[in-house]
Amino acid sequence: MKFVTLWSDILVYGLLLVTVFFIFSVFNNKDLRQTWRNILYRPINMVACILLFSYIVIGVLDTIHFEDTSQTRITTHGIASILDKMLTPLILNTEKTYSAPFATHSFVKEATVLPTGELIRDYPKLNFGGAHLNNQSKWQDIRNTLIQIVLQTLIIWAAFCVILLTWHCYRRRLAWDIYVIKVLKGKTQFPWRSFLLCVGFVMLTIFFIHGFMWKYHILGTNAIGEDVLYQSLKSIRTGLIIGTITTLITLPFAILFGLMAGYFKGWIDDVIQYIYTTLSSIPAVLLIAAAVLMLQVVMSRHSDWFSTVAQRTDARLLALCAILGITSWTTLCRLLRGETLKISQMDFVLAARSLGLSHIAIILKHLLPNVMHIILITVVLDFSGLVLAEAVLSYVGVGVDPTSYSWGTMINSARLEMARVPAVWWSLTAAFIFMFVLVLSANIFSDAIRDAFDPRSNLGLFK
């Protein structure tokens, strides 16, 4: 297996290293460790964190690429990921056109010639969905498979709970039976009940997909017979990259200009204010659409820049992140400017100036640490907004490459599907559910971080 690294993969690996470094720094800092403990010890925050972690794991699995040189190639462009390998049945077992979730027959009537030579129009049987059924009823097969999945999940989940709680009681020298009763009642300091129930839900989802993906199309198929569940899972990586990398692109502009405007004041402040006020006055959708359309023209004229389709798609994704980042740094810049104006007049900053510290030293040692809570809060709040922005841009046709997977492209294709009679509803529903869970979890987690790190919030919230 020969691994292939795209530019977006490198950025994702870099983000993972930064995240690991941040986690170690939190563990080594007593105050930060207590703050994050207060965040995670609330049940709803723990559930949101587990769901976000599940999305991140799927995105990372879809980031590890390798050359697909096998005889049964699972991708058309020759580059696959670990997630593609795990979802091979969803890729290879396609249909002719639309099929509903768990269907055994096509959603569209076709002309069929009977053995007697008579020509009729009927719903033909699917090539893959329900092909294993002989004389058994579909619903009976689904019921039996579901019972097997639930029992398997319960056994593994129960073993996981027993091992984890036993290890925790052994470390803390607690009575196992008494502590388990407290866990069941939800009276422990750590939200064990919420944690274990959410982990059980994630396990059930995994076993549900693994158990049914060999037999049916769980979320149906699209116009070209491609599995909708596979599209939804592949779109997770696009959403995460848009949300994280775009946010990181905004940080240098916002931090540099915001701190400079608030600290130096005068003509520097006037110039920076003029720049972000002018940029904010231009409708964001029109500015992004113009930049993306110009990018499309450049890429079409220089197709020799990309040796594979995957590289072209990856380049357009990163270019979209850059365009979104350059056009969305103004809000954070305005916040940092206002906070810097206030902090620069405080006694410790004035004392540093009187002692002869350079401007760079004052900015790095005194101003930047005191505005980090605003940066952290804005980053996590903007993440969900950028995920939704990608969906809107792809819906109007100026988002990611049409050959790539994203929830925006799924929603865009669902426009005509919902106008059919009867309507093809499952593509739009799948994109909505996956995007809704990610955005809701990110919003809950960002609200918790805002409450914990914003000094103006209620200080007694976590006591």
Protein backbone atom coordinates (compact mmCIF):
# COMPACT_ATOMS: atom_id res chain seq x y z
CA MET A 1 0.00 0.00 0.00
CA LYS A 2 1.56 3.27 -1.16
CA PHE A 3 0.32 6.25 0.81
CA VAL A 4 -0.50 9.50 -0.99
CA THR A 5 -0.48 12.90 0.73
CA LEU A 6 -2.55 15.80 -0.53
CA TRP A 7 -2.07 19.39 0.59
CA SER A 8 -5.21 19.27 2.69
CA ASP A 9 -3.93 16.08 4.33
CA ILE A 10 -0.77 17.90 5.43
CA LEU A 11 -2.83 20.67 6.97
CA VAL A 12 -5.03 18.16 8.80
CA TYR A 13 -1.96 16.34 10.17
CA GLY A 14 -0.58 19.70 11.30
CA LEU A 15 -3.85 20.49 13.07
CA LEU A 16 -3.72 17.14 14.84
CA LEU A 17 -0.18 17.82 16.07
CA VAL A 18 -1.23 21.26 17.32
CA THR A 19 -4.22 19.68 19.07
CA VAL A 20 -2.00 17.08 20.77
CA PHE A 21 0.38 19.83 21.87
CA PHE A 22 -2.54 21.86 23.22
CA ILE A 23 -3.86 18.86 25.18
CA PHE A 24 -0.44 18.31 26.78
CA SER A 25 -0.20 22.00 27.67
CA VAL A 26 -3.65 21.82 29.30
CA PHE A 27 -2.57 18.80 31.38
CA ASN A 28 0.54 20.63 32.54
CA ASN A 29 -1.36 23.78 33.54
CA LYS A 30 -3.42 23.45 36.70
CA ASP A 31 -5.76 26.37 35.98
CA LEU A 32 -6.43 25.32 32.38
CA ARG A 33 -6.94 21.73 33.48
CA GLN A 34 -9.55 22.81 36.01
CA THR A 35 -11.30 25.03 33.45
CA TRP A 36 -11.57 22.24 30.88
CA ARG A 37 -12.65 19.83 33.61
CA ASN A 38 -15.50 22.19 34.45
CA ILE A 39 -16.49 22.22 30.77
CA LEU A 40 -16.46 18.46 30.28
CA TYR A 41 -18.11 17.63 33.60
CA ARG A 42 -21.45 18.97 32.40
CA PRO A 43 -23.49 16.15 30.77
CA ILE A 44 -24.62 18.05 27.67
CA ASN A 45 -21.06 19.26 27.00
CA MET A 46 -19.77 15.71 27.33
CA VAL A 47 -22.30 14.44 24.80
CA ALA A 48 -21.39 17.22 22.36
CA CYS A 49 -17.68 16.45 22.80
CA ILE A 50 -18.18 12.74 22.05
CA LEU A 51 -20.21 13.49 18.92
CA LEU A 52 -17.58 15.97 17.71
CA PHE A 53 -14.86 13.41 18.39
CA SER A 54 -16.78 10.85 16.30
CA TYR A 55 -16.95 13.28 13.39
CA ILE A 56 -13.23 14.03 13.75
CA VAL A 57 -12.36 10.31 13.68
CA ILE A 58 -14.34 9.85 10.46
CA GLY A 59 -12.65 12.91 8.96
CA VAL A 60 -9.18 11.62 9.88
CA LEU A 61 -9.93 8.18 8.43
CA ASP A 62 -10.95 9.93 5.20
CA THR A 63 -7.70 11.92 5.25
CA ILE A 64 -5.29 8.96 5.15
CA HIS A 65 -5.03 8.35 1.38
CA PHE A 66 -3.30 5.63 -0.60
CA GLU A 67 -3.03 4.55 -4.22
CA ASP A 68 -5.83 2.19 -5.20
CA THR A 69 -4.00 -0.35 -7.37
CA SER A 70 -6.20 -3.37 -6.68
CA GLN A 71 -8.08 -5.15 -9.45
CA THR A 72 -11.43 -4.05 -8.03
CA ARG A 73 -10.74 -0.34 -7.75
CA ILE A 74 -13.07 1.34 -5.30
CA THR A 75 -12.52 4.84 -6.68
CA THR A 76 -12.43 6.21 -10.22
CA HIS A 77 -9.44 8.53 -9.78
CA GLY A 78 -7.09 5.90 -8.30
CA ILE A 79 -6.72 7.48 -4.82
CA ALA A 80 -8.69 6.03 -1.92
CA SER A 81 -8.78 6.57 1.83
CA ILE A 82 -9.05 4.31 4.85
CA LEU A 83 -12.72 5.27 5.10
CA ASP A 84 -13.25 4.20 1.48
CA LYS A 85 -11.72 0.84 2.29
CA MET A 86 -14.02 0.41 5.28
CA LEU A 87 -17.08 1.36 3.20
CA THR A 88 -16.21 -0.74 0.15
CA PRO A 89 -19.70 -2.34 -0.13
CA LEU A 90 -21.32 1.09 -0.32
CA ILE A 91 -18.99 2.10 -3.17
CA LEU A 92 -19.07 -1.02 -5.33
CA ASN A 93 -22.71 -2.05 -4.92
CA THR A 94 -24.42 0.70 -6.87
CA GLU A 95 -27.77 0.78 -8.63
CA LYS A 96 -29.07 2.25 -11.89
CA THR A 97 -30.88 5.20 -10.34
CA TYR A 98 -32.94 6.24 -7.31
CA SER A 99 -33.91 3.74 -4.63
CA ALA A 100 -35.51 4.49 -1.26
CA PRO A 101 -33.90 3.59 2.09
CA PHE A 102 -33.94 -0.19 2.68
CA ALA A 103 -35.71 -0.69 -0.66
CA THR A 104 -35.53 -3.89 -2.70
CA HIS A 105 -36.96 -2.38 -5.88
CA SER A 106 -36.09 0.71 -7.87
CA PHE A 107 -37.89 3.99 -7.22
CA VAL A 108 -38.39 4.54 -10.96
CA LYS A 109 -40.43 2.37 -13.29
CA GLU A 110 -38.63 0.78 -16.23
CA ALA A 111 -39.74 -1.07 -19.34
CA THR A 112 -39.44 -4.83 -18.71
CA VAL A 113 -39.90 -7.68 -21.17
CA LEU A 114 -41.60 -10.71 -19.61
CA PRO A 115 -40.63 -14.28 -20.61
CA THR A 116 -43.84 -14.36 -22.64
CA GLY A 117 -42.59 -11.42 -24.69
CA GLU A 118 -45.02 -8.92 -23.19
CA LEU A 119 -43.64 -5.43 -22.52
CA ILE A 120 -44.66 -3.86 -19.21
CA ARG A 121 -43.53 -0.95 -17.04
CA ASP A 122 -42.74 -1.96 -13.49
CA TYR A 123 -40.33 -1.31 -10.63
CA PRO A 124 -37.38 -3.66 -11.27
CA LYS A 125 -35.51 -5.39 -8.46
CA LEU A 126 -32.30 -3.71 -7.34
CA ASN A 127 -28.92 -5.17 -8.20
CA PHE A 128 -27.74 -5.03 -4.59
CA GLY A 129 -30.44 -3.94 -2.14
CA GLY A 130 -32.22 -7.05 -0.85
CA ALA A 131 -30.52 -9.30 -3.41
CA HIS A 132 -29.70 -11.82 -0.64
CA LEU A 133 -33.39 -12.41 0.07
CA ASN A 134 -34.88 -15.64 -1.23
CA ASN A 135 -38.34 -16.39 0.06
CA GLN A 136 -37.78 -14.43 3.26
CA SER A 137 -39.70 -11.21 3.85
CA LYS A 138 -37.70 -8.00 3.79
CA TRP A 139 -39.13 -6.78 7.08
CA GLN A 140 -38.47 -10.12 8.73
CA ASP A 141 -34.86 -9.97 7.58
CA ILE A 142 -34.50 -6.38 8.83
CA ARG A 143 -36.02 -7.34 12.19
CA ASN A 144 -33.71 -10.33 12.64
CA THR A 145 -30.64 -8.32 11.65
CA LEU A 146 -31.63 -5.46 13.95
CA ILE A 147 -32.09 -7.82 16.92
CA GLN A 148 -28.67 -9.30 16.24
CA ILE A 149 -27.10 -5.84 16.03
CA VAL A 150 -28.74 -4.65 19.28
CA LEU A 151 -27.66 -7.78 21.20
CA GLN A 152 -24.12 -7.52 19.87
CA THR A 153 -23.94 -3.83 20.80
CA LEU A 154 -25.34 -4.46 24.30
CA ILE A 155 -22.77 -7.17 25.02
CA ILE A 156 -19.80 -5.10 23.86
CA TRP A 157 -21.12 -1.92 25.51
CA ALA A 158 -21.76 -3.71 28.82
CA ALA A 159 -18.24 -5.16 28.77
CA PHE A 160 -16.82 -1.71 28.02
CA CYS A 161 -18.78 -0.14 30.91
CA VAL A 162 -17.72 -2.84 33.40
CA ILE A 163 -14.04 -2.62 32.44
CA LEU A 164 -13.98 1.17 32.50
CA LEU A 165 -15.81 1.52 35.82
CA THR A 166 -13.75 -1.24 37.41
CA TRP A 167 -10.54 0.46 36.36
CA HIS A 168 -11.80 3.81 37.69
CA CYS A 169 -12.83 2.29 41.05
CA TYR A 170 -9.49 0.48 41.35
CA ARG A 171 -7.56 3.71 40.77
CA ARG A 172 -9.66 5.73 43.21
CA ARG A 173 -10.04 2.84 45.72
CA LEU A 174 -13.84 3.02 45.58
CA ALA A 175 -16.44 0.35 46.32
CA TRP A 176 -17.55 -0.90 42.91
CA ASP A 177 -21.19 -1.69 43.74
CA ILE A 178 -21.79 1.59 45.55
CA TYR A 179 -20.16 3.62 42.79
CA VAL A 180 -22.19 1.86 40.07
CA ILE A 181 -25.41 2.81 41.88
CA LYS A 182 -24.24 6.43 41.94
CA VAL A 183 -23.49 6.22 38.21
CA LEU A 184 -26.98 4.87 37.48
CA LYS A 185 -28.53 7.71 39.49
CA GLY A 186 -26.29 10.33 37.85
CA LYS A 187 -24.83 11.51 41.16
CA THR A 188 -21.14 11.28 40.28
CA GLN A 189 -18.93 14.30 39.70
CA PHE A 190 -17.90 13.02 36.27
CA PRO A 191 -20.98 12.56 34.04
CA TRP A 192 -20.51 8.81 33.67
CA ARG A 193 -24.13 8.15 32.79
CA SER A 194 -24.17 10.63 29.91
CA PHE A 195 -20.74 9.50 28.75
CA LEU A 196 -21.58 5.79 28.70
CA LEU A 197 -25.00 6.29 27.10
CA CYS A 198 -23.53 8.45 24.34
CA VAL A 199 -20.73 5.94 23.73
CA GLY A 200 -23.38 3.22 23.54
CA PHE A 201 -25.31 5.26 20.96
CA VAL A 202 -22.16 5.69 18.86
CA MET A 203 -21.44 1.95 19.10
CA LEU A 204 -25.00 1.13 18.06
CA THR A 205 -24.70 3.46 15.05
CA ILE A 206 -21.43 1.81 13.97
CA PHE A 207 -22.79 -1.72 14.28
CA PHE A 208 -26.03 -0.66 12.57
CA ILE A 209 -24.13 0.63 9.55
CA HIS A 210 -21.81 -2.38 9.47
CA GLY A 211 -24.66 -4.84 9.81
CA PHE A 212 -26.92 -3.40 7.11
CA MET A 213 -24.45 -2.01 4.56
CA TRP A 214 -23.85 -5.54 3.22
CA LYS A 215 -27.56 -6.05 2.56
CA TYR A 216 -29.33 -2.76 1.84
CA HIS A 217 -28.85 0.88 0.99
CA ILE A 218 -29.54 2.32 4.43
CA LEU A 219 -30.24 5.86 3.21
CA GLY A 220 -31.14 4.96 -0.37
CA THR A 221 -29.35 5.96 -3.58
CA ASN A 222 -29.19 9.11 -5.72
CA ALA A 223 -29.88 9.72 -9.42
CA ILE A 224 -26.83 7.76 -10.58
CA GLY A 225 -27.35 4.93 -8.09
CA GLU A 226 -24.66 6.04 -5.62
CA ASP A 227 -25.24 5.26 -1.95
CA VAL A 228 -26.44 8.34 -0.02
CA LEU A 229 -24.94 7.14 3.28
CA TYR A 230 -21.52 6.99 1.62
CA GLN A 231 -22.00 10.54 0.30
CA SER A 232 -22.96 11.79 3.76
CA LEU A 233 -19.98 10.18 5.50
CA LYS A 234 -17.55 11.44 2.86
CA SER A 235 -18.93 14.96 3.27
CA ILE A 236 -17.78 15.05 6.91
CA ARG A 237 -14.15 15.64 5.92
CA THR A 238 -15.15 18.55 3.67
CA GLY A 239 -17.19 20.16 6.44
CA LEU A 240 -14.41 19.78 9.00
CA ILE A 241 -11.74 21.18 6.67
CA ILE A 242 -13.91 24.16 5.74
CA GLY A 243 -14.65 24.85 9.40
CA THR A 244 -11.13 24.45 10.82
CA ILE A 245 -8.70 25.55 8.11
CA THR A 246 -10.78 28.58 7.16
CA THR A 247 -10.88 29.64 10.80
CA LEU A 248 -7.10 29.30 11.09
CA ILE A 249 -6.61 31.40 7.94
CA THR A 250 -8.61 34.22 9.52
CA LEU A 251 -6.47 34.29 12.69
CA PRO A 252 -3.26 35.91 11.33
CA PHE A 253 -5.18 38.76 9.68
CA ALA A 254 -7.52 39.34 12.61
CA ILE A 255 -4.86 39.11 15.34
CA LEU A 256 -2.25 41.21 13.53
CA PHE A 257 -4.57 44.00 12.41
CA GLY A 258 -6.70 43.98 15.55
CA LEU A 259 -3.76 44.30 17.96
CA MET A 260 -2.01 46.88 15.79
CA ALA A 261 -5.12 49.05 15.48
CA GLY A 262 -5.84 48.97 19.21
CA TYR A 263 -2.26 49.46 20.37
CA PHE A 264 -0.74 51.99 17.96
CA LYS A 265 -3.95 53.98 17.30
CA GLY A 266 -3.52 57.09 15.12
CA TRP A 267 -3.19 56.67 11.37
CA ILE A 268 -2.55 52.91 11.66
CA ASP A 269 -5.91 52.50 13.37
CA ASP A 270 -7.58 54.65 10.72
CA VAL A 271 -6.12 52.62 7.83
CA ILE A 272 -7.06 49.26 9.37
CA GLN A 273 -10.56 50.47 10.19
CA TYR A 274 -10.97 51.68 6.61
CA ILE A 275 -9.86 48.28 5.27
CA TYR A 276 -12.19 46.11 7.34
CA THR A 277 -15.09 48.55 7.06
CA THR A 278 -14.79 48.55 3.27
CA LEU A 279 -14.49 44.75 3.20
CA SER A 280 -17.50 44.36 5.49
CA SER A 281 -19.63 46.64 3.33
CA ILE A 282 -19.30 44.33 0.30
CA PRO A 283 -21.91 41.51 0.30
CA ALA A 284 -19.98 38.43 1.36
CA VAL A 285 -21.74 36.03 -1.02
CA LEU A 286 -21.02 38.24 -4.05
CA LEU A 287 -17.37 38.70 -3.08
CA ILE A 288 -16.84 34.98 -2.52
CA ALA A 289 -18.72 34.07 -5.70
CA ALA A 290 -16.58 36.45 -7.79
CA ALA A 291 -13.37 35.04 -6.30
CA VAL A 292 -14.47 31.43 -6.84
CA LEU A 293 -15.53 32.08 -10.44
CA MET A 294 -12.17 33.69 -11.22
CA LEU A 295 -10.49 30.70 -9.60
CA GLN A 296 -12.46 28.33 -11.83
CA VAL A 297 -11.31 30.19 -14.93
CA VAL A 298 -7.65 30.03 -13.84
CA MET A 299 -7.83 26.32 -13.01
CA SER A 300 -9.56 25.46 -16.30
CA ARG A 301 -6.90 27.32 -18.30
CA HIS A 302 -4.04 25.64 -16.42
CA SER A 303 -5.27 22.08 -16.16
CA ASP A 304 -1.68 20.88 -16.51
CA TRP A 305 -1.02 22.05 -12.94
CA PHE A 306 -2.82 18.99 -11.60
CA SER A 307 -1.81 15.45 -12.49
CA THR A 308 -4.94 13.82 -11.01
CA VAL A 309 -8.56 14.74 -10.45
CA ALA A 310 -8.05 14.33 -6.69
CA GLN A 311 -5.35 17.02 -6.70
CA ARG A 312 -7.57 19.41 -8.64
CA THR A 313 -10.46 18.84 -6.23
CA ASP A 314 -8.17 19.27 -3.25
CA ALA A 315 -6.73 22.50 -4.65
CA ARG A 316 -10.18 23.98 -5.15
CA LEU A 317 -11.17 23.02 -1.60
CA LEU A 318 -8.12 24.76 -0.14
CA ALA A 319 -8.69 27.78 -2.38
CA LEU A 320 -12.26 28.04 -1.10
CA CYS A 321 -10.93 27.91 2.48
CA ALA A 322 -8.50 30.72 1.66
CA ILE A 323 -11.23 32.85 0.05
CA LEU A 324 -13.57 32.34 3.00
CA GLY A 325 -10.75 33.10 5.45
CA ILE A 326 -9.65 36.31 3.73
CA THR A 327 -13.22 37.61 3.58
CA SER A 328 -14.31 36.68 7.14
CA TRP A 329 -11.59 38.04 9.47
CA THR A 330 -13.21 41.42 10.01
CA THR A 331 -15.48 40.45 12.92
CA LEU A 332 -12.66 39.07 15.07
CA CYS A 333 -10.43 42.02 14.10
CA ARG A 334 -13.07 44.47 15.33
CA LEU A 335 -13.42 42.61 18.64
CA LEU A 336 -9.66 42.46 19.21
CA ARG A 337 -9.26 46.15 18.40
CA GLY A 338 -11.84 47.14 21.00
CA GLU A 339 -10.34 44.87 23.68
CA THR A 340 -6.80 46.06 22.90
CA LEU A 341 -7.87 49.71 23.21
CA LYS A 342 -9.03 48.95 26.75
CA ILE A 343 -6.06 46.80 27.81
CA SER A 344 -3.45 49.20 26.40
CA GLN A 345 -4.53 51.82 28.96
CA MET A 346 -4.13 49.54 31.96
CA ASP A 347 -1.39 50.02 34.53
CA PHE A 348 0.73 46.96 33.65
CA VAL A 349 0.94 48.02 29.98
CA LEU A 350 1.81 51.61 30.91
CA ALA A 351 4.46 50.29 33.31
CA ALA A 352 5.95 48.12 30.56
CA ARG A 353 6.18 51.17 28.29
CA SER A 354 7.88 53.24 30.99
CA LEU A 355 10.43 50.46 31.54
CA GLY A 356 11.41 50.68 27.87
CA LEU A 357 9.99 47.39 26.54
CA SER A 358 9.68 47.26 22.79
CA HIS A 359 6.30 47.36 21.09
CA ILE A 360 6.65 43.76 19.95
CA ALA A 361 7.43 42.57 23.49
CA ILE A 362 4.43 44.42 24.92
CA ILE A 363 2.13 42.98 22.27
CA LEU A 364 3.38 39.41 22.71
CA LYS A 365 3.75 39.35 26.50
CA HIS A 366 0.93 41.59 27.70
CA LEU A 367 -1.71 42.14 25.02
CA LEU A 368 -1.92 38.80 23.21
CA PRO A 369 -2.31 36.62 26.35
CA ASN A 370 -5.10 38.89 27.60
CA VAL A 371 -7.14 38.57 24.40
CA MET A 372 -6.67 34.82 23.94
CA HIS A 373 -10.09 34.11 25.45
CA ILE A 374 -11.72 36.22 22.71
CA ILE A 375 -9.74 34.40 20.03
CA LEU A 376 -10.64 30.97 21.39
CA ILE A 377 -14.31 31.83 21.78
CA THR A 378 -14.55 33.32 18.28
CA VAL A 379 -12.78 30.34 16.70
CA VAL A 380 -15.20 27.79 18.11
CA LEU A 381 -18.21 29.99 17.39
CA ASP A 382 -17.19 30.60 13.76
CA PHE A 383 -16.67 26.90 13.05
CA SER A 384 -20.36 26.04 12.76
CA GLY A 385 -21.04 29.20 10.76
CA LEU A 386 -18.40 28.25 8.20
CA VAL A 387 -19.82 24.73 7.84
CA LEU A 388 -23.20 26.27 7.03
CA ALA A 389 -21.53 28.79 4.71
CA GLU A 390 -20.06 25.98 2.62
CA ALA A 391 -23.50 24.42 2.27
CA VAL A 392 -24.98 27.73 1.12
CA LEU A 393 -22.16 28.39 -1.38
CA SER A 394 -22.35 24.87 -2.83
CA TYR A 395 -26.12 25.27 -3.06
CA VAL A 396 -25.71 28.33 -5.30
CA GLY A 397 -22.97 26.62 -7.31
CA VAL A 398 -19.84 28.47 -6.12
CA GLY A 399 -18.71 26.08 -3.38
CA VAL A 400 -16.48 23.03 -3.56
CA ASP A 401 -15.72 21.15 -6.77
CA PRO A 402 -18.84 19.35 -8.07
CA THR A 403 -16.90 16.07 -8.16
CA SER A 404 -16.17 16.22 -4.42
CA TYR A 405 -18.52 15.22 -1.64
CA SER A 406 -20.15 17.85 0.55
CA TRP A 407 -23.49 18.42 2.19
CA GLY A 408 -23.89 21.54 0.07
CA THR A 409 -23.68 19.59 -3.19
CA MET A 410 -26.16 17.05 -1.80
CA ILE A 411 -28.60 19.85 -0.95
CA ASN A 412 -28.02 21.43 -4.36
CA SER A 413 -28.88 18.18 -6.17
CA ALA A 414 -31.93 17.73 -3.93
CA ARG A 415 -33.58 20.84 -5.38
CA LEU A 416 -34.82 18.97 -8.43
CA GLU A 417 -35.34 15.73 -6.50
CA MET A 418 -37.83 17.37 -4.15
CA ALA A 419 -39.77 18.66 -7.18
CA ARG A 420 -40.39 15.11 -8.43
CA VAL A 421 -43.68 13.33 -7.87
CA PRO A 422 -43.27 11.40 -5.64
CA ALA A 423 -40.41 13.39 -4.08
CA VAL A 424 -36.96 11.94 -3.51
CA TRP A 425 -36.55 13.12 0.08
CA TRP A 426 -33.73 10.99 1.48
CA SER A 427 -30.75 12.90 0.04
CA LEU A 428 -31.88 16.19 1.57
CA THR A 429 -32.81 14.48 4.84
CA ALA A 430 -29.44 12.74 5.14
CA ALA A 431 -27.48 15.95 4.50
CA PHE A 432 -29.68 17.83 6.96
CA ILE A 433 -29.26 15.27 9.76
CA PHE A 434 -25.47 14.94 9.43
CA MET A 435 -24.96 18.69 9.20
CA PHE A 436 -27.46 19.38 12.00
CA VAL A 437 -25.71 17.04 14.45
CA LEU A 438 -22.28 18.54 13.68
CA VAL A 439 -23.42 22.17 13.91
CA LEU A 440 -25.52 21.58 17.03
CA SER A 441 -22.64 19.80 18.81
CA ALA A 442 -20.22 22.56 17.80
CA ASN A 443 -22.61 25.25 19.04
CA ILE A 444 -23.14 23.54 22.41
CA PHE A 445 -19.41 23.04 22.86
CA SER A 446 -18.63 26.62 21.82
CA ASP A 447 -21.20 27.99 24.26
CA ALA A 448 -19.53 26.00 27.04
CA ILE A 449 -16.11 27.36 26.10
CA ARG A 450 -17.48 30.91 25.99
CA ASP A 451 -18.99 30.54 29.46
CA ALA A 452 -15.75 29.09 30.84
CA PHE A 453 -13.21 31.48 29.30
CA ASP A 454 -15.09 34.76 29.01
CA PRO A 455 -14.28 36.74 32.19
CA ARG A 456 -17.54 38.69 31.79
CA SER A 457 -19.64 35.52 32.13
CA ASN A 458 -21.08 34.27 35.37
CA LEU A 459 -18.10 33.17 37.43
CA GLY A 460 -20.22 30.96 39.60
CA LEU A 461 -21.66 28.96 36.75
CA PHE A 462 -19.49 25.89 37.28
CA LYS A 463 -19.26 25.99 41.07
